[in-house]
Protein backbone atom coordinates (compact mmCIF):
# COMPACT_ATOMS: atom_id res chain seq x y z
CA MET A 1 94.84 -96.53 80.49
CA LYS A 2 95.77 -93.76 78.16
CA LYS A 3 93.67 -90.64 78.27
CA ASN A 4 93.80 -89.87 74.51
CA MET A 5 92.63 -93.12 72.94
CA GLN A 6 91.55 -92.81 69.31
CA GLY A 7 89.34 -95.00 67.11
CA PHE A 8 85.85 -96.43 67.03
CA THR A 9 84.31 -98.96 69.32
CA LEU A 10 82.56 -102.02 67.95
CA ILE A 11 79.20 -100.64 69.08
CA GLU A 12 79.70 -97.41 67.12
CA VAL A 13 80.60 -99.35 63.97
CA MET A 14 77.60 -101.65 64.35
CA ILE A 15 75.24 -98.68 64.81
CA ALA A 16 76.61 -97.11 61.61
CA VAL A 17 76.11 -100.40 59.72
CA VAL A 18 72.52 -100.67 60.96
CA ILE A 19 71.75 -97.09 59.90
CA VAL A 20 73.20 -97.69 56.41
CA GLY A 21 71.17 -100.91 56.14
CA ILE A 22 67.93 -99.15 57.05
CA LEU A 23 68.58 -96.37 54.55
CA ALA A 24 69.36 -98.90 51.80
CA SER A 25 66.21 -100.92 52.51
CA VAL A 26 64.11 -97.77 52.14
CA ALA A 27 65.91 -96.38 49.09
CA TYR A 28 66.19 -99.53 46.94
CA PRO A 29 62.45 -100.07 46.28
CA SER A 30 62.10 -96.40 45.31
CA TYR A 31 65.06 -96.76 42.96
CA VAL A 32 63.56 -99.84 41.29
CA ASN A 33 60.21 -98.07 40.91
CA GLN A 34 61.92 -95.12 39.21
CA ILE A 35 63.71 -97.44 36.80
CA PHE A 36 60.42 -99.13 35.81
CA GLN A 37 58.76 -95.75 35.42
CA SER A 38 61.51 -94.40 33.17
CA ARG A 39 61.39 -97.53 30.98
CA ARG A 40 57.64 -97.10 30.48
CA SER A 41 58.41 -94.16 28.22
CA ASP A 42 59.95 -96.71 25.83
CA GLY A 43 56.60 -98.52 25.67
CA HIS A 44 54.78 -95.23 25.15
CA LEU A 45 57.09 -94.32 22.29
CA GLY A 46 56.63 -97.71 20.65
CA LEU A 47 52.83 -97.47 20.83
CA LEU A 48 52.68 -93.89 19.60
CA THR A 49 55.04 -94.62 16.71
CA ALA A 50 52.96 -97.64 15.64
CA ALA A 51 49.75 -95.58 15.92
CA GLN A 52 51.28 -92.87 13.74
CA LYS A 53 52.22 -95.47 11.09
CA LEU A 54 48.68 -96.88 11.20
CA GLU A 55 47.18 -93.43 10.74
CA ARG A 56 49.48 -92.71 7.77
CA CYS A 57 48.50 -96.03 6.20
CA LYS A 58 44.80 -95.34 6.74
CA THR A 59 45.02 -92.01 4.93
CA THR A 60 46.17 -93.81 1.79
CA THR A 61 44.08 -97.02 2.00
CA PHE A 62 41.03 -95.69 3.92
CA THR A 63 41.12 -98.70 6.27
CA TYR A 64 43.25 -100.03 9.11
CA ALA A 65 42.64 -103.64 8.07
CA SER A 66 45.14 -103.58 5.21
CA CYS A 67 47.87 -101.86 7.25
CA ASN A 68 50.61 -104.23 8.36
CA VAL A 69 52.87 -102.04 10.49
CA ILE A 70 53.44 -104.53 13.32
CA ASP A 71 54.77 -108.04 12.79
CA SER A 72 55.30 -110.87 15.28
CA ASP A 73 58.74 -109.66 16.43
CA SER A 74 58.07 -105.93 16.76
CA GLU A 75 59.63 -104.25 19.78
CA SER A 76 59.76 -100.80 21.27
CA PRO A 77 62.86 -98.76 20.37
CA GLU A 78 64.85 -99.82 23.45
CA GLY A 79 63.45 -103.37 23.46
CA TYR A 80 61.76 -103.26 26.87
CA TYR A 81 58.32 -103.93 25.34
CA ALA A 82 57.01 -106.33 22.69
CA LEU A 83 54.43 -104.68 20.45
CA SER A 84 51.32 -106.36 19.08
CA ILE A 85 48.05 -105.31 17.47
CA ASP A 86 44.60 -106.65 18.25
CA ASN A 87 41.01 -106.11 17.07
CA VAL A 88 42.02 -104.64 13.71
CA SER A 89 39.07 -103.57 11.58
CA ALA A 90 38.38 -100.98 8.93
CA VAL A 91 37.69 -98.33 11.57
CA GLY A 92 39.72 -99.32 14.62
CA TYR A 93 42.56 -101.18 16.29
CA GLU A 94 44.12 -101.78 19.68
CA LEU A 95 47.89 -101.67 20.16
CA ILE A 96 49.42 -103.57 23.07
CA ALA A 97 52.90 -103.18 24.57
CA THR A 98 53.86 -106.19 26.71
CA PRO A 99 56.82 -105.73 29.08
CA GLN A 100 59.69 -108.12 28.51
CA ASP A 101 63.16 -108.90 29.86
CA ALA A 102 64.21 -106.33 32.50
CA GLN A 103 60.82 -104.58 32.40
CA ALA A 104 58.80 -107.79 32.95
CA GLY A 105 58.70 -107.16 36.72
CA ASP A 106 56.65 -103.98 36.32
CA GLU A 107 53.47 -105.15 38.06
CA LYS A 108 52.11 -101.65 38.62
CA CYS A 109 51.37 -101.09 34.93
CA GLY A 110 51.69 -104.41 33.13
CA ASN A 111 50.61 -104.23 29.49
CA LEU A 112 50.20 -100.75 28.03
CA THR A 113 47.41 -100.23 25.48
CA LEU A 114 46.41 -97.61 22.92
CA ASP A 115 43.42 -97.74 20.59
CA ALA A 116 42.31 -95.90 17.45
CA ASN A 117 40.36 -93.34 19.52
CA GLY A 118 43.48 -92.43 21.47
CA THR A 119 42.30 -94.18 24.63
CA ARG A 120 45.28 -95.14 26.76
CA GLY A 121 45.27 -97.87 29.34
CA ALA A 122 47.25 -100.43 31.29
CA SER A 123 46.48 -103.84 32.75
CA GLY A 124 48.28 -103.26 36.05
CA ILE A 125 47.31 -101.75 39.39
CA LEU A 126 47.80 -98.11 38.38
CA GLY A 127 45.82 -98.29 35.11
CA GLU A 128 45.46 -94.76 33.77
CA GLY A 129 48.31 -93.54 35.98
CA CYS A 130 50.81 -95.36 33.79
CA TRP A 131 50.52 -92.81 31.01
């Protein structure tokens, strides 16, 4: 046998592969969570923009009921959320942002909501923590 053998043994390579696999299995869920969290800002922006339009309309008509700022195909600016309005009356409303497409897997927050009083909410596990 030669004294100065160079290279890696199969065991060393397998240990390195196992370590990389463990690191990837820990890092990937955190990465996906960060992606969902960053896309939530798109839903926030959509809701806040719609609320601003409703408030502007109310200042001219003195009611939310006649304000038609959201139609059936309204989306957030980046398209990760579908926007809808519910419980519209002369003095109140509730805006709902429903995750769609790539954001649909966000189970921690689910639907984001905003009402005329500025109350923010979410239908998922985190609730208030989504804002």
